[in-house]
Amino acid sequence: MKQFLALSAMTLLVSFNAAAHDEGHGPKLADTGKYGGLVSAVVAKVDASKGTKATLVHKAELVRSADGNVSVYIYDQDMKPLDIKSFDAKGSASLAAKVKGKWKTTTFDLAAKDKSFEGKMPKPEGKPYNIDVTIKENGKELLSAFDNLD
């Protein structure tokens, strides 16, 4: 009986941990990127815990190159590019990967440049990994999550 209870508790904990980031932040999107990247919802950071029920503010496209450079393009809800001059000039991103069963997070900076936010991501220590992008528009923190990347 003790083994059954221990196994049940362990299964429950693992299931919560496995679903912790899979749902993402904001509604699911089916849009395709204009630069060959992945498209994700942009939501108010304070609403991130609402998961798929968070209100869509904008859309973001994450484009990664082989040398670790990333570009994040911001679009309105109809996938029309937004002028990034309306955003703060600096943003941040965090790369999270499971290493030996534990999540390890590394942050890196993004800077507004021409039509996107650009930065150099650190080499992921595990796969798949997640990248969360935080930018500010009119003093409001916004978040876009890109999950299960490899």
Protein backbone atom coordinates (compact mmCIF):
# COMPACT_ATOMS: atom_id res chain seq x y z
CA MET A 1 0.00 0.00 0.00
CA LYS A 2 2.86 2.40 0.85
CA GLN A 3 4.46 1.71 -2.52
CA PHE A 4 1.19 2.43 -4.29
CA LEU A 5 0.77 5.75 -2.45
CA ALA A 6 4.37 6.72 -3.11
CA LEU A 7 4.05 5.81 -6.78
CA SER A 8 0.76 7.72 -7.08
CA ALA A 9 2.26 10.82 -5.46
CA MET A 10 5.33 10.63 -7.67
CA THR A 11 3.21 10.24 -10.82
CA LEU A 12 1.09 13.23 -9.84
CA LEU A 13 4.14 15.42 -9.22
CA VAL A 14 5.78 14.42 -12.49
CA SER A 15 2.59 15.13 -14.43
CA PHE A 16 2.38 18.65 -12.98
CA ASN A 17 6.03 19.26 -13.82
CA ALA A 18 5.67 17.93 -17.36
CA ALA A 19 2.76 20.26 -18.12
CA ALA A 20 4.29 23.29 -16.44
CA HIS A 21 5.42 25.01 -19.63
CA ASP A 22 3.73 23.00 -22.39
CA GLU A 23 0.56 25.05 -22.54
CA GLY A 24 2.46 28.24 -23.29
CA HIS A 25 1.29 31.76 -22.62
CA GLY A 26 -1.61 33.07 -24.62
CA PRO A 27 -3.87 31.55 -27.23
CA LYS A 28 -2.59 28.90 -29.62
CA LEU A 29 -1.68 30.34 -33.02
CA ALA A 30 -1.55 28.74 -36.46
CA ASP A 31 0.23 31.62 -38.22
CA THR A 32 3.39 31.05 -40.23
CA GLY A 33 6.39 33.32 -39.86
CA LYS A 34 7.32 35.83 -42.54
CA TYR A 35 11.04 35.08 -42.04
CA GLY A 36 10.84 31.30 -41.61
CA GLY A 37 10.63 31.42 -37.83
CA LEU A 38 8.16 30.26 -35.21
CA VAL A 39 5.15 32.41 -34.30
CA SER A 40 3.88 32.72 -30.74
CA ALA A 41 1.40 34.89 -28.84
CA VAL A 42 2.54 38.05 -27.07
CA VAL A 43 0.63 38.65 -23.84
CA ALA A 44 0.90 41.00 -20.89
CA LYS A 45 3.47 39.47 -18.55
CA VAL A 46 1.07 39.82 -15.61
CA ASP A 47 -1.40 37.58 -17.49
CA ALA A 48 1.12 34.84 -18.31
CA SER A 49 -0.22 32.54 -15.60
CA LYS A 50 -3.58 32.41 -17.41
CA GLY A 51 -2.01 30.16 -20.05
CA THR A 52 -4.10 29.87 -23.21
CA LYS A 53 -6.75 32.15 -21.68
CA ALA A 54 -4.40 35.17 -21.59
CA THR A 55 -5.44 37.98 -23.91
CA LEU A 56 -3.49 38.25 -27.16
CA VAL A 57 -1.72 41.63 -27.36
CA HIS A 58 0.54 41.02 -30.37
CA LYS A 59 2.24 38.14 -32.16
CA ALA A 60 5.98 37.46 -32.27
CA GLU A 61 8.19 35.50 -34.63
CA LEU A 62 11.43 33.96 -33.39
CA VAL A 63 14.10 33.41 -36.04
CA ARG A 64 17.27 31.54 -35.03
CA SER A 65 20.46 31.18 -37.02
CA ALA A 66 23.06 28.43 -36.76
CA ASP A 67 25.55 30.78 -35.09
CA GLY A 68 23.18 31.53 -32.18
CA ASN A 69 21.85 34.87 -33.35
CA VAL A 70 18.15 35.37 -32.74
CA SER A 71 15.74 37.92 -34.17
CA VAL A 72 12.27 38.56 -32.76
CA TYR A 73 9.80 40.29 -35.06
CA ILE A 74 6.61 41.80 -33.58
CA TYR A 75 3.30 41.79 -35.45
CA ASP A 76 -0.24 42.95 -34.80
CA GLN A 77 -3.06 40.40 -34.62
CA ASP A 78 -3.32 40.35 -38.43
CA MET A 79 0.41 39.60 -38.84
CA LYS A 80 1.24 43.13 -40.02
CA PRO A 81 4.73 44.16 -38.82
CA LEU A 82 4.77 46.70 -35.99
CA ASP A 83 7.22 49.57 -35.80
CA ILE A 84 9.53 48.53 -32.98
CA LYS A 85 10.27 52.16 -32.21
CA SER A 86 7.11 52.09 -30.08
CA PHE A 87 8.84 49.54 -27.80
CA ASP A 88 11.69 50.05 -25.36
CA ALA A 89 15.04 49.71 -27.12
CA LYS A 90 16.11 46.79 -24.93
CA GLY A 91 14.46 43.50 -24.14
CA SER A 92 15.52 40.26 -22.58
CA ALA A 93 15.14 36.57 -23.16
CA SER A 94 15.62 33.49 -21.06
CA LEU A 95 16.62 30.10 -22.36
CA ALA A 96 15.47 27.20 -20.20
CA ALA A 97 16.62 23.61 -20.71
CA LYS A 98 16.45 20.47 -18.62
CA VAL A 99 19.91 19.43 -17.49
CA LYS A 100 20.16 16.21 -15.48
CA GLY A 101 16.44 16.38 -14.68
CA LYS A 102 16.46 19.99 -13.45
CA TRP A 103 15.54 23.16 -15.34
CA LYS A 104 18.49 25.48 -15.93
CA THR A 105 17.75 29.02 -17.11
CA THR A 106 20.18 31.43 -18.76
CA THR A 107 19.22 34.98 -19.69
CA PHE A 108 20.47 37.04 -22.60
CA ASP A 109 19.84 40.56 -23.87
CA LEU A 110 17.90 41.70 -26.90
CA ALA A 111 18.24 45.09 -28.59
CA ALA A 112 15.91 46.82 -31.04
CA LYS A 113 17.57 46.95 -34.44
CA ASP A 114 15.84 47.93 -37.70
CA LYS A 115 12.70 45.74 -37.77
CA SER A 116 13.37 43.29 -34.92
CA PHE A 117 14.87 42.67 -31.51
CA GLU A 118 18.20 40.92 -31.89
CA GLY A 119 20.55 39.08 -29.60
CA LYS A 120 22.97 36.20 -29.25
CA MET A 121 21.57 33.23 -27.39
CA PRO A 122 23.79 30.98 -25.30
CA LYS A 123 24.25 27.41 -26.45
CA PRO A 124 21.43 25.27 -25.01
CA GLU A 125 22.72 22.70 -22.53
CA GLY A 126 19.81 20.36 -23.23
CA LYS A 127 17.08 19.71 -25.77
CA PRO A 128 14.28 20.50 -26.14
CA TYR A 129 14.54 23.99 -24.70
CA ASN A 130 12.29 27.02 -24.25
CA ILE A 131 12.89 30.70 -24.93
CA ASP A 132 10.79 33.35 -23.19
CA VAL A 133 11.07 36.87 -24.62
CA THR A 134 10.24 39.94 -22.52
CA ILE A 135 9.86 43.38 -24.08
CA LYS A 136 8.19 46.62 -22.96
CA GLU A 137 5.66 48.72 -24.81
CA ASN A 138 4.54 52.00 -23.22
CA GLY A 139 5.91 50.83 -19.86
CA LYS A 140 3.94 47.55 -19.99
CA GLU A 141 5.91 44.30 -19.84
CA LEU A 142 5.00 41.82 -22.55
CA LEU A 143 5.93 38.16 -22.80
CA SER A 144 6.18 35.69 -25.67
CA ALA A 145 7.07 32.04 -25.06
CA PHE A 146 8.59 29.68 -27.60
CA ASP A 147 8.50 26.13 -26.29
CA ASN A 148 9.98 22.75 -27.25
CA LEU A 149 12.75 24.11 -29.46
CA ASP A 150 15.65 21.96 -30.61
